[in-house]
PDB file of N, CA and C in Angstrom:
ATOM      1  N   MET A   1     168.324  95.519  98.916  1.00  0.00           N
ATOM      2  CA  MET A   1     166.897  95.700  98.728  1.00  0.00           C
ATOM      3  C   MET A   1     166.675  96.386  97.380  1.00  0.00           C
ATOM      4  N   ALA A   2     165.810  95.844  96.572  1.00  0.00           N
ATOM      5  CA  ALA A   2     165.587  96.353  95.227  1.00  0.00           C
ATOM      6  C   ALA A   2     164.868  97.696  95.196  1.00  0.00           C
ATOM      7  N   ASN A   3     163.917  97.924  96.070  1.00  0.00           N
ATOM      8  CA  ASN A   3     163.140  99.158  96.060  1.00  0.00           C
ATOM      9  C   ASN A   3     163.075  99.760  97.463  1.00  0.00           C
ATOM     10  N   PRO A   4     164.149 100.444  97.883  1.00  0.00           N
ATOM     11  CA  PRO A   4     164.185 101.004  99.233  1.00  0.00           C
ATOM     12  C   PRO A   4     163.370 102.289  99.355  1.00  0.00           C
ATOM     13  N   PHE A   5     163.003 102.601 100.581  1.00  0.00           N
ATOM     14  CA  PHE A   5     162.445 103.916 100.872  1.00  0.00           C
ATOM     15  C   PHE A   5     163.604 104.911 100.743  1.00  0.00           C
ATOM     16  N   VAL A   6     163.401 105.987  99.986  1.00  0.00           N
ATOM     17  CA  VAL A   6     164.497 106.917  99.732  1.00  0.00           C
ATOM     18  C   VAL A   6     164.217 108.349 100.179  1.00  0.00           C
ATOM     19  N   HIS A   7     162.994 108.648 100.544  1.00  0.00           N
ATOM     20  CA  HIS A   7     162.641 110.021 100.905  1.00  0.00           C
ATOM     21  C   HIS A   7     161.339 109.969 101.692  1.00  0.00           C
ATOM     22  N   ILE A   8     161.254 110.760 102.731  1.00  0.00           N
ATOM     23  CA  ILE A   8     160.028 110.862 103.517  1.00  0.00           C
ATOM     24  C   ILE A   8     159.651 112.340 103.536  1.00  0.00           C
ATOM     25  N   GLU A   9     158.403 112.632 103.172  1.00  0.00           N
ATOM     26  CA  GLU A   9     158.004 114.023 103.009  1.00  0.00           C
ATOM     27  C   GLU A   9     156.835 114.382 103.917  1.00  0.00           C
ATOM     28  N   LEU A  10     156.971 115.491 104.591  1.00  0.00           N
ATOM     29  CA  LEU A  10     155.881 116.020 105.402  1.00  0.00           C
ATOM     30  C   LEU A  10     155.104 117.024 104.569  1.00  0.00           C
ATOM     31  N   GLU A  11     153.836 116.748 104.358  1.00  0.00           N
ATOM     32  CA  GLU A  11     152.923 117.679 103.705  1.00  0.00           C
ATOM     33  C   GLU A  11     152.073 118.256 104.830  1.00  0.00           C
ATOM     34  N   THR A  12     152.341 119.521 105.169  1.00  0.00           N
ATOM     35  CA  THR A  12     151.773 120.110 106.371  1.00  0.00           C
ATOM     36  C   THR A  12     150.947 121.354 106.074  1.00  0.00           C
ATOM     37  N   ASN A  13     149.963 121.589 106.908  1.00  0.00           N
ATOM     38  CA  ASN A  13     149.132 122.777 106.772  1.00  0.00           C
ATOM     39  C   ASN A  13     149.750 123.987 107.474  1.00  0.00           C
ATOM     40  N   ASP A  14     150.896 123.796 108.162  1.00  0.00           N
ATOM     41  CA  ASP A  14     151.576 124.898 108.836  1.00  0.00           C
ATOM     42  C   ASP A  14     153.088 124.636 108.808  1.00  0.00           C
ATOM     43  N   VAL A  15     153.730 125.049 107.718  1.00  0.00           N
ATOM     44  CA  VAL A  15     155.155 124.770 107.521  1.00  0.00           C
ATOM     45  C   VAL A  15     156.012 125.404 108.615  1.00  0.00           C
ATOM     46  N   ALA A  16     155.752 126.654 108.939  1.00  0.00           N
ATOM     47  CA  ALA A  16     156.573 127.338 109.952  1.00  0.00           C
ATOM     48  C   ALA A  16     156.513 126.614 111.292  1.00  0.00           C
ATOM     49  N   ARG A  17     155.335 126.223 111.688  1.00  0.00           N
ATOM     50  CA  ARG A  17     155.178 125.517 112.966  1.00  0.00           C
ATOM     51  C   ARG A  17     155.865 124.149 112.928  1.00  0.00           C
ATOM     52  N   ALA A  18     155.743 123.448 111.785  1.00  0.00           N
ATOM     53  CA  ALA A  18     156.396 122.146 111.640  1.00  0.00           C
ATOM     54  C   ALA A  18     157.909 122.284 111.707  1.00  0.00           C
ATOM     55  N   LYS A  19     158.461 123.284 111.012  1.00  0.00           N
ATOM     56  CA  LYS A  19     159.911 123.508 111.062  1.00  0.00           C
ATOM     57  C   LYS A  19     160.371 123.743 112.498  1.00  0.00           C
ATOM     58  N   ASP A  20     159.685 124.608 113.199  1.00  0.00           N
ATOM     59  CA  ASP A  20     160.044 124.919 114.580  1.00  0.00           C
ATOM     60  C   ASP A  20     160.003 123.666 115.449  1.00  0.00           C
ATOM     61  N   PHE A  21     158.946 122.884 115.316  1.00  0.00           N
ATOM     62  CA  PHE A  21     158.778 121.665 116.116  1.00  0.00           C
ATOM     63  C   PHE A  21     159.897 120.653 115.850  1.00  0.00           C
ATOM     64  N   TYR A  22     160.129 120.334 114.562  1.00  0.00           N
ATOM     65  CA  TYR A  22     161.092 119.280 114.250  1.00  0.00           C
ATOM     66  C   TYR A  22     162.537 119.711 114.498  1.00  0.00           C
ATOM     67  N   GLN A  23     162.847 120.998 114.350  1.00  0.00           N
ATOM     68  CA  GLN A  23     164.197 121.450 114.684  1.00  0.00           C
ATOM     69  C   GLN A  23     164.462 121.324 116.176  1.00  0.00           C
ATOM     70  N   LYS A  24     163.442 121.543 116.986  1.00  0.00           N
ATOM     71  CA  LYS A  24     163.608 121.431 118.434  1.00  0.00           C
ATOM     72  C   LYS A  24     163.573 119.978 118.910  1.00  0.00           C
ATOM     73  N   LEU A  25     162.796 119.141 118.213  1.00  0.00           N
ATOM     74  CA  LEU A  25     162.650 117.745 118.622  1.00  0.00           C
ATOM     75  C   LEU A  25     163.856 116.890 118.239  1.00  0.00           C
ATOM     76  N   PHE A  26     164.347 117.070 117.013  1.00  0.00           N
ATOM     77  CA  PHE A  26     165.433 116.240 116.495  1.00  0.00           C
ATOM     78  C   PHE A  26     166.618 117.105 116.081  1.00  0.00           C
ATOM     79  N   ASP A  27     167.735 116.464 115.850  1.00  0.00           N
ATOM     80  CA  ASP A  27     168.936 117.147 115.384  1.00  0.00           C
ATOM     81  C   ASP A  27     168.968 117.125 113.854  1.00  0.00           C
ATOM     82  N   TRP A  28     167.894 117.576 113.232  1.00  0.00           N
ATOM     83  CA  TRP A  28     167.787 117.605 111.780  1.00  0.00           C
ATOM     84  C   TRP A  28     168.263 118.951 111.259  1.00  0.00           C
ATOM     85  N   LYS A  29     168.922 118.937 110.107  1.00  0.00           N
ATOM     86  CA  LYS A  29     169.296 120.171 109.432  1.00  0.00           C
ATOM     87  C   LYS A  29     168.225 120.445 108.377  1.00  0.00           C
ATOM     88  N   LEU A  30     167.551 121.585 108.490  1.00  0.00           N
ATOM     89  CA  LEU A  30     166.512 121.975 107.537  1.00  0.00           C
ATOM     90  C   LEU A  30     167.089 123.038 106.611  1.00  0.00           C
ATOM     91  N   GLU A  31     166.903 122.820 105.296  1.00  0.00           N
ATOM     92  CA  GLU A  31     167.459 123.744 104.308  1.00  0.00           C
ATOM     93  C   GLU A  31     166.401 124.061 103.255  1.00  0.00           C
ATOM     94  N   ASP A  32     166.016 125.337 103.172  1.00  0.00           N
ATOM     95  CA  ASP A  32     165.057 125.763 102.160  1.00  0.00           C
ATOM     96  C   ASP A  32     165.699 125.669 100.783  1.00  0.00           C
ATOM     97  N   VAL A  33     164.935 125.169  99.807  1.00  0.00           N
ATOM     98  CA  VAL A  33     165.417 125.034  98.439  1.00  0.00           C
ATOM     99  C   VAL A  33     165.152 126.360  97.712  1.00  0.00           C
ATOM    100  N   PRO A  34     166.206 127.005  97.193  1.00  0.00           N
ATOM    101  CA  PRO A  34     166.023 128.281  96.495  1.00  0.00           C
ATOM    102  C   PRO A  34     165.061 128.139  95.313  1.00  0.00           C
ATOM    103  N   GLY A  35     164.131 129.080  95.197  1.00  0.00           N
ATOM    104  CA  GLY A  35     163.192 129.086  94.089  1.00  0.00           C
ATOM    105  C   GLY A  35     162.023 128.130  94.220  1.00  0.00           C
ATOM    106  N   MET A  36     161.951 127.417  95.332  1.00  0.00           N
ATOM    107  CA  MET A  36     160.858 126.467  95.563  1.00  0.00           C
ATOM    108  C   MET A  36     160.303 126.680  96.969  1.00  0.00           C
ATOM    109  N   ASP A  37     159.047 126.380  97.162  1.00  0.00           N
ATOM    110  CA  ASP A  37     158.472 126.381  98.504  1.00  0.00           C
ATOM    111  C   ASP A  37     158.660 124.982  99.084  1.00  0.00           C
ATOM    112  N   TYR A  38     159.919 124.632  99.345  1.00  0.00           N
ATOM    113  CA  TYR A  38     160.260 123.284  99.787  1.00  0.00           C
ATOM    114  C   TYR A  38     161.452 123.356 100.717  1.00  0.00           C
ATOM    115  N   THR A  39     161.432 122.551 101.758  1.00  0.00           N
ATOM    116  CA  THR A  39     162.520 122.479 102.720  1.00  0.00           C
ATOM    117  C   THR A  39     163.051 121.057 102.754  1.00  0.00           C
ATOM    118  N   MET A  40     164.340 120.887 102.512  1.00  0.00           N
ATOM    119  CA  MET A  40     164.972 119.576 102.607  1.00  0.00           C
ATOM    120  C   MET A  40     165.272 119.268 104.077  1.00  0.00           C
ATOM    121  N   ILE A  41     165.132 117.992 104.437  1.00  0.00           N
ATOM    122  CA  ILE A  41     165.439 117.523 105.784  1.00  0.00           C
ATOM    123  C   ILE A  41     166.641 116.599 105.689  1.00  0.00           C
ATOM    124  N   ASN A  42     167.762 117.016 106.291  1.00  0.00           N
ATOM    125  CA  ASN A  42     168.955 116.181 106.336  1.00  0.00           C
ATOM    126  C   ASN A  42     169.030 115.597 107.737  1.00  0.00           C
ATOM    127  N   VAL A  43     168.906 114.267 107.819  1.00  0.00           N
ATOM    128  CA  VAL A  43     168.887 113.602 109.123  1.00  0.00           C
ATOM    129  C   VAL A  43     170.244 113.046 109.519  1.00  0.00           C
ATOM    130  N   GLY A  44     171.257 113.243 108.664  1.00  0.00           N
ATOM    131  CA  GLY A  44     172.548 112.618 108.925  1.00  0.00           C
ATOM    132  C   GLY A  44     172.496 111.211 108.354  1.00  0.00           C
ATOM    133  N   ASP A  45     172.687 110.193 109.175  1.00  0.00           N
ATOM    134  CA  ASP A  45     172.575 108.805 108.714  1.00  0.00           C
ATOM    135  C   ASP A  45     171.112 108.443 108.545  1.00  0.00           C
ATOM    136  N   GLY A  46     170.807 107.716 107.482  1.00  0.00           N
ATOM    137  CA  GLY A  46     169.439 107.269 107.254  1.00  0.00           C
ATOM    138  C   GLY A  46     168.756 108.052 106.150  1.00  0.00           C
ATOM    139  N   THR A  47     167.503 107.728 105.944  1.00  0.00           N
ATOM    140  CA  THR A  47     166.719 108.339 104.888  1.00  0.00           C
ATOM    141  C   THR A  47     166.268 109.730 105.290  1.00  0.00           C
ATOM    142  N   GLY A  48     166.602 110.706 104.470  1.00  0.00           N
ATOM    143  CA  GLY A  48     166.180 112.076 104.709  1.00  0.00           C
ATOM    144  C   GLY A  48     164.854 112.348 104.041  1.00  0.00           C
ATOM    145  N   GLY A  49     164.526 113.613 103.956  1.00  0.00           N
ATOM    146  CA  GLY A  49     163.248 113.934 103.363  1.00  0.00           C
ATOM    147  C   GLY A  49     163.082 115.407 103.121  1.00  0.00           C
ATOM    148  N   GLY A  50     161.834 115.823 103.190  1.00  0.00           N
ATOM    149  CA  GLY A  50     161.510 117.218 102.960  1.00  0.00           C
ATOM    150  C   GLY A  50     160.180 117.573 103.584  1.00  0.00           C
ATOM    151  N   MET A  51     159.861 118.853 103.523  1.00  0.00           N
ATOM    152  CA  MET A  51     158.548 119.300 103.978  1.00  0.00           C
ATOM    153  C   MET A  51     158.072 120.419 103.082  1.00  0.00           C
ATOM    154  N   MET A  52     156.764 120.484 102.943  1.00  0.00           N
ATOM    155  CA  MET A  52     156.151 121.475 102.076  1.00  0.00           C
ATOM    156  C   MET A  52     154.733 121.759 102.524  1.00  0.00           C
ATOM    157  N   LYS A  53     154.165 122.829 102.003  1.00  0.00           N
ATOM    158  CA  LYS A  53     152.763 123.160 102.259  1.00  0.00           C
ATOM    159  C   LYS A  53     151.904 122.053 101.663  1.00  0.00           C
ATOM    160  N   ASN A  54     150.945 121.582 102.431  1.00  0.00           N
ATOM    161  CA  ASN A  54     150.049 120.519 102.001  1.00  0.00           C
ATOM    162  C   ASN A  54     149.312 120.956 100.731  1.00  0.00           C
ATOM    163  N   PRO A  55     149.450 120.212  99.623  1.00  0.00           N
ATOM    164  CA  PRO A  55     148.781 120.619  98.388  1.00  0.00           C
ATOM    165  C   PRO A  55     147.268 120.408  98.415  1.00  0.00           C
ATOM    166  N   VAL A  56     146.776 119.655  99.388  1.00  0.00           N
ATOM    167  CA  VAL A  56     145.339 119.405  99.529  1.00  0.00           C
ATOM    168  C   VAL A  56     144.953 119.809 100.952  1.00  0.00           C
ATOM    169  N   PRO A  57     144.663 121.096 101.171  1.00  0.00           N
ATOM    170  CA  PRO A  57     144.456 121.620 102.530  1.00  0.00           C
ATOM    171  C   PRO A  57     143.372 120.924 103.339  1.00  0.00           C
ATOM    172  N   GLU A  58     142.365 120.341 102.680  1.00  0.00           N
ATOM    173  CA  GLU A  58     141.312 119.660 103.439  1.00  0.00           C
ATOM    174  C   GLU A  58     141.764 118.297 103.978  1.00  0.00           C
ATOM    175  N   VAL A  59     142.937 117.841 103.536  1.00  0.00           N
ATOM    176  CA  VAL A  59     143.523 116.603 104.061  1.00  0.00           C
ATOM    177  C   VAL A  59     144.445 116.994 105.222  1.00  0.00           C
ATOM    178  N   PRO A  60     144.361 116.307 106.351  1.00  0.00           N
ATOM    179  CA  PRO A  60     145.240 116.644 107.480  1.00  0.00           C
ATOM    180  C   PRO A  60     146.720 116.524 107.112  1.00  0.00           C
ATOM    181  N   SER A  61     147.561 117.242 107.817  1.00  0.00           N
ATOM    182  CA  SER A  61     149.005 117.110 107.633  1.00  0.00           C
ATOM    183  C   SER A  61     149.387 115.638 107.767  1.00  0.00           C
ATOM    184  N   HIS A  62     150.353 115.204 106.943  1.00  0.00           N
ATOM    185  CA  HIS A  62     150.724 113.787 106.939  1.00  0.00           C
ATOM    186  C   HIS A  62     152.128 113.600 106.358  1.00  0.00           C
ATOM    187  N   TRP A  63     152.698 112.453 106.673  1.00  0.00           N
ATOM    188  CA  TRP A  63     153.983 112.047 106.106  1.00  0.00           C
ATOM    189  C   TRP A  63     153.722 111.129 104.917  1.00  0.00           C
ATOM    190  N   LEU A  64     154.515 111.278 103.849  1.00  0.00           N
ATOM    191  CA  LEU A  64     154.403 110.459 102.649  1.00  0.00           C
ATOM    192  C   LEU A  64     155.767 109.851 102.352  1.00  0.00           C
ATOM    193  N   ALA A  65     155.817 108.529 102.238  1.00  0.00           N
ATOM    194  CA  ALA A  65     157.071 107.827 101.956  1.00  0.00           C
ATOM    195  C   ALA A  65     157.244 107.652 100.447  1.00  0.00           C
ATOM    196  N   TYR A  66     158.493 107.785  99.991  1.00  0.00           N
ATOM    197  CA  TYR A  66     158.853 107.594  98.581  1.00  0.00           C
ATOM    198  C   TYR A  66     159.698 106.334  98.452  1.00  0.00           C
ATOM    199  N   VAL A  67     159.377 105.517  97.439  1.00  0.00           N
ATOM    200  CA  VAL A  67     160.108 104.287  97.164  1.00  0.00           C
ATOM    201  C   VAL A  67     160.819 104.439  95.820  1.00  0.00           C
ATOM    202  N   LEU A  68     162.084 104.057  95.758  1.00  0.00           N
ATOM    203  CA  LEU A  68     162.880 104.137  94.539  1.00  0.00           C
ATOM    204  C   LEU A  68     162.442 103.079  93.537  1.00  0.00           C
ATOM    205  N   VAL A  69     162.232 103.503  92.292  1.00  0.00           N
ATOM    206  CA  VAL A  69     161.912 102.587  91.195  1.00  0.00           C
ATOM    207  C   VAL A  69     162.816 102.928  90.012  1.00  0.00           C
ATOM    208  N   ASP A  70     163.010 101.965  89.107  1.00  0.00           N
ATOM    209  CA  ASP A  70     163.828 102.201  87.916  1.00  0.00           C
ATOM    210  C   ASP A  70     163.092 103.033  86.876  1.00  0.00           C
ATOM    211  N   ASP A  71     161.771 102.837  86.784  1.00  0.00           N
ATOM    212  CA  ASP A  71     160.960 103.508  85.761  1.00  0.00           C
ATOM    213  C   ASP A  71     159.626 103.882  86.393  1.00  0.00           C
ATOM    214  N   VAL A  72     159.447 105.161  86.711  1.00  0.00           N
ATOM    215  CA  VAL A  72     158.252 105.586  87.441  1.00  0.00           C
ATOM    216  C   VAL A  72     156.982 105.362  86.623  1.00  0.00           C
ATOM    217  N   ALA A  73     157.037 105.548  85.317  1.00  0.00           N
ATOM    218  CA  ALA A  73     155.843 105.333  84.490  1.00  0.00           C
ATOM    219  C   ALA A  73     155.434 103.860  84.495  1.00  0.00           C
ATOM    220  N   ALA A  74     156.398 102.976  84.351  1.00  0.00           N
ATOM    221  CA  ALA A  74     156.101 101.533  84.347  1.00  0.00           C
ATOM    222  C   ALA A  74     155.614 101.078  85.717  1.00  0.00           C
ATOM    223  N   ALA A  75     156.248 101.561  86.790  1.00  0.00           N
ATOM    224  CA  ALA A  75     155.841 101.159  88.137  1.00  0.00           C
ATOM    225  C   ALA A  75     154.441 101.678  88.462  1.00  0.00           C
ATOM    226  N   THR A  76     154.123 102.884  88.003  1.00  0.00           N
ATOM    227  CA  THR A  76     152.791 103.447  88.230  1.00  0.00           C
ATOM    228  C   THR A  76     151.737 102.630  87.486  1.00  0.00           C
ATOM    229  N   SER A  77     152.029 102.272  86.252  1.00  0.00           N
ATOM    230  CA  SER A  77     151.107 101.431  85.468  1.00  0.00           C
ATOM    231  C   SER A  77     150.913 100.067  86.111  1.00  0.00           C
ATOM    232  N   LYS A  78     152.000  99.480  86.592  1.00  0.00           N
ATOM    233  CA  LYS A  78     151.917  98.172  87.250  1.00  0.00           C
ATOM    234  C   LYS A  78     151.069  98.265  88.515  1.00  0.00           C
ATOM    235  N   ALA A  79     151.284  99.324  89.304  1.00  0.00           N
ATOM    236  CA  ALA A  79     150.495  99.504  90.521  1.00  0.00           C
ATOM    237  C   ALA A  79     149.009  99.611  90.190  1.00  0.00           C
ATOM    238  N   LYS A  80     148.689 100.359  89.152  1.00  0.00           N
ATOM    239  CA  LYS A  80     147.288 100.512  88.731  1.00  0.00           C
ATOM    240  C   LYS A  80     146.699  99.165  88.320  1.00  0.00           C
ATOM    241  N   ALA A  81     147.465  98.383  87.571  1.00  0.00           N
ATOM    242  CA  ALA A  81     147.011  97.060  87.143  1.00  0.00           C
ATOM    243  C   ALA A  81     146.776  96.137  88.333  1.00  0.00           C
ATOM    244  N   LEU A  82     147.497  96.376  89.426  1.00  0.00           N
ATOM    245  CA  LEU A  82     147.365  95.557  90.632  1.00  0.00           C
ATOM    246  C   LEU A  82     146.284  96.080  91.585  1.00  0.00           C
ATOM    247  N   GLY A  83     145.564  97.129  91.168  1.00  0.00           N
ATOM    248  CA  GLY A  83     144.446  97.615  91.974  1.00  0.00           C
ATOM    249  C   GLY A  83     144.656  98.945  92.662  1.00  0.00           C
ATOM    250  N   ALA A  84     145.797  99.598  92.423  1.00  0.00           N
ATOM    251  CA  ALA A  84     146.039 100.908  93.041  1.00  0.00           C
ATOM    252  C   ALA A  84     145.275 101.999  92.295  1.00  0.00           C
ATOM    253  N   THR A  85     145.005 103.080  92.999  1.00  0.00           N
ATOM    254  CA  THR A  85     144.455 104.284  92.393  1.00  0.00           C
ATOM    255  C   THR A  85     145.615 105.250  92.185  1.00  0.00           C
ATOM    256  N   VAL A  86     145.720 105.822  91.023  1.00  0.00           N
ATOM    257  CA  VAL A  86     146.779 106.794  90.753  1.00  0.00           C
ATOM    258  C   VAL A  86     146.265 108.170  91.164  1.00  0.00           C
ATOM    259  N   CYS A  87     146.878 108.729  92.187  1.00  0.00           N
ATOM    260  CA  CYS A  87     146.488 110.055  92.696  1.00  0.00           C
ATOM    261  C   CYS A  87     147.224 111.166  91.968  1.00  0.00           C
ATOM    262  N   LYS A  88     148.450 110.903  91.550  1.00  0.00           N
ATOM    263  CA  LYS A  88     149.270 111.877  90.821  1.00  0.00           C
ATOM    264  C   LYS A  88     150.041 111.108  89.757  1.00  0.00           C
ATOM    265  N   GLU A  89     149.745 111.397  88.510  1.00  0.00           N
ATOM    266  CA  GLU A  89     150.451 110.752  87.400  1.00  0.00           C
ATOM    267  C   GLU A  89     151.938 111.100  87.462  1.00  0.00           C
ATOM    268  N   PRO A  90     152.790 110.299  86.812  1.00  0.00           N
ATOM    269  CA  PRO A  90     154.219 110.618  86.814  1.00  0.00           C
ATOM    270  C   PRO A  90     154.462 112.076  86.399  1.00  0.00           C
ATOM    271  N   THR A  91     155.244 112.755  87.229  1.00  0.00           N
ATOM    272  CA  THR A  91     155.495 114.185  87.065  1.00  0.00           C
ATOM    273  C   THR A  91     156.980 114.441  87.246  1.00  0.00           C
ATOM    274  N   GLU A  92     157.535 115.275  86.389  1.00  0.00           N
ATOM    275  CA  GLU A  92     158.955 115.597  86.487  1.00  0.00           C
ATOM    276  C   GLU A  92     159.192 116.741  87.456  1.00  0.00           C
ATOM    277  N   ILE A  93     160.237 116.606  88.253  1.00  0.00           N
ATOM    278  CA  ILE A  93     160.775 117.707  89.046  1.00  0.00           C
ATOM    279  C   ILE A  93     162.101 118.033  88.353  1.00  0.00           C
ATOM    280  N   PRO A  94     162.138 119.116  87.562  1.00  0.00           N
ATOM    281  CA  PRO A  94     163.327 119.413  86.760  1.00  0.00           C
ATOM    282  C   PRO A  94     164.617 119.326  87.572  1.00  0.00           C
ATOM    283  N   GLU A  95     165.611 118.736  86.959  1.00  0.00           N
ATOM    284  CA  GLU A  95     166.954 118.551  87.511  1.00  0.00           C
ATOM    285  C   GLU A  95     167.049 117.457  88.583  1.00  0.00           C
ATOM    286  N   TYR A  96     165.911 116.926  89.053  1.00  0.00           N
ATOM    287  CA  TYR A  96     165.956 115.937  90.134  1.00  0.00           C
ATOM    288  C   TYR A  96     165.451 114.562  89.708  1.00  0.00           C
ATOM    289  N   GLY A  97     164.264 114.489  89.110  1.00  0.00           N
ATOM    290  CA  GLY A  97     163.706 113.195  88.745  1.00  0.00           C
ATOM    291  C   GLY A  97     162.214 113.262  88.515  1.00  0.00           C
ATOM    292  N   TRP A  98     161.560 112.123  88.672  1.00  0.00           N
ATOM    293  CA  TRP A  98     160.132 111.992  88.427  1.00  0.00           C
ATOM    294  C   TRP A  98     159.485 111.273  89.603  1.00  0.00           C
ATOM    295  N   PHE A  99     158.230 111.630  89.878  1.00  0.00           N
ATOM    296  CA  PHE A  99     157.505 110.954  90.944  1.00  0.00           C
ATOM    297  C   PHE A  99     156.056 110.758  90.527  1.00  0.00           C
ATOM    298  N   SER A 100     155.402 109.834  91.203  1.00  0.00           N
ATOM    299  CA  SER A 100     153.951 109.674  91.114  1.00  0.00           C
ATOM    300  C   SER A 100     153.473 109.345  92.514  1.00  0.00           C
ATOM    301  N   VAL A 101     152.170 109.464  92.728  1.00  0.00           N
ATOM    302  CA  VAL A 101     151.591 109.098  94.018  1.00  0.00           C
ATOM    303  C   VAL A 101     150.444 108.146  93.742  1.00  0.00           C
ATOM    304  N   ILE A 102     150.464 107.018  94.457  1.00  0.00           N
ATOM    305  CA  ILE A 102     149.408 106.022  94.320  1.00  0.00           C
ATOM    306  C   ILE A 102     148.727 105.795  95.663  1.00  0.00           C
ATOM    307  N   MET A 103     147.540 105.251  95.604  1.00  0.00           N
ATOM    308  CA  MET A 103     146.828 104.797  96.800  1.00  0.00           C
ATOM    309  C   MET A 103     146.683 103.289  96.610  1.00  0.00           C
ATOM    310  N   ASP A 104     147.270 102.509  97.513  1.00  0.00           N
ATOM    311  CA  ASP A 104     147.199 101.055  97.358  1.00  0.00           C
ATOM    312  C   ASP A 104     145.764 100.566  97.577  1.00  0.00           C
ATOM    313  N   PRO A 105     145.475  99.311  97.270  1.00  0.00           N
ATOM    314  CA  PRO A 105     144.106  98.813  97.408  1.00  0.00           C
ATOM    315  C   PRO A 105     143.532  98.887  98.827  1.00  0.00           C
ATOM    316  N   THR A 106     144.392  99.100  99.828  1.00  0.00           N
ATOM    317  CA  THR A 106     143.900  99.217 101.205  1.00  0.00           C
ATOM    318  C   THR A 106     143.665 100.662 101.614  1.00  0.00           C
ATOM    319  N   GLY A 107     144.007 101.613 100.726  1.00  0.00           N
ATOM    320  CA  GLY A 107     143.798 103.022 101.018  1.00  0.00           C
ATOM    321  C   GLY A 107     145.025 103.776 101.504  1.00  0.00           C
ATOM    322  N   ALA A 108     146.189 103.136 101.510  1.00  0.00           N
ATOM    323  CA  ALA A 108     147.421 103.795 101.958  1.00  0.00           C
ATOM    324  C   ALA A 108     148.118 104.487 100.785  1.00  0.00           C
ATOM    325  N   ALA A 109     148.538 105.734 101.004  1.00  0.00           N
ATOM    326  CA  ALA A 109     149.240 106.488  99.961  1.00  0.00           C
ATOM    327  C   ALA A 109     150.729 106.143  99.975  1.00  0.00           C
ATOM    328  N   LEU A 110     151.332 106.157  98.793  1.00  0.00           N
ATOM    329  CA  LEU A 110     152.752 105.885  98.623  1.00  0.00           C
ATOM    330  C   LEU A 110     153.225 106.630  97.383  1.00  0.00           C
ATOM    331  N   ALA A 111     154.416 107.209  97.455  1.00  0.00           N
ATOM    332  CA  ALA A 111     154.997 107.881  96.293  1.00  0.00           C
ATOM    333  C   ALA A 111     156.066 106.986  95.685  1.00  0.00           C
ATOM    334  N   LEU A 112     156.164 107.036  94.371  1.00  0.00           N
ATOM    335  CA  LEU A 112     157.198 106.313  93.628  1.00  0.00           C
ATOM    336  C   LEU A 112     158.171 107.344  93.087  1.00  0.00           C
ATOM    337  N   TRP A 113     159.474 107.062  93.155  1.00  0.00           N
ATOM    338  CA  TRP A 113     160.503 108.027  92.783  1.00  0.00           C
ATOM    339  C   TRP A 113     161.528 107.411  91.839  1.00  0.00           C
ATOM    340  N   GLN A 114     161.811 108.135  90.755  1.00  0.00           N
ATOM    341  CA  GLN A 114     162.891 107.789  89.832  1.00  0.00           C
ATOM    342  C   GLN A 114     163.784 108.994  89.709  1.00  0.00           C
ATOM    343  N   GLY A 115     164.996 108.890  90.234  1.00  0.00           N
ATOM    344  CA  GLY A 115     165.938 110.003  90.150  1.00  0.00           C
ATOM    345  C   GLY A 115     166.514 110.137  88.763  1.00  0.00           C
ATOM    346  N   LYS A 116     167.001 111.303  88.436  1.00  0.00           N
ATOM    347  CA  LYS A 116     167.610 111.558  87.116  1.00  0.00           C
ATOM    348  C   LYS A 116     168.727 110.582  86.824  1.00  0.00           C
ATOM    349  N   GLU A 117     169.472 110.172  87.854  1.00  0.00           N
ATOM    350  CA  GLU A 117     170.585 109.263  87.650  1.00  0.00           C
ATOM    351  C   GLU A 117     170.147 107.869  87.216  1.00  0.00           C
ATOM    352  N   CYS A 118     168.854 107.554  87.367  1.00  0.00           N
ATOM    353  CA  CYS A 118     168.335 106.214  87.004  1.00  0.00           C
ATOM    354  C   CYS A 118     167.978 106.137  85.526  1.00  0.00           C
ATOM    355  N   LYS A 119     167.825 107.235  84.857  1.00  0.00           N
ATOM    356  CA  LYS A 119     167.357 107.252  83.477  1.00  0.00           C
ATOM    357  C   LYS A 119     168.486 107.013  82.524  1.00  0.00           C
TER     358      LYS A 119
END
């Protein structure tokens, strides 16, 4: 598959409660990232993810899927040309990669991800 889902992120209005719930529900290993308000989710086999405080508190807690792309800037521009709304322009996460967030023409949010190893 050329563009697989590579990360699933929970943006929640109550991180502590979400951590407690998902640790009890699933056999996930949750690991806080030093120096960041971010928790990595290791699911074992399959696509892992993370959780963080919802950056837009008036939006309900939600899951956001990330799709791997070769060039996040080009993919974001292409999505816009195809009718998407760009919610978050390409942004670097130092040492890890770049991401953007788009809203497709039907109103569904999706994140695009380019890891450092792709550049």
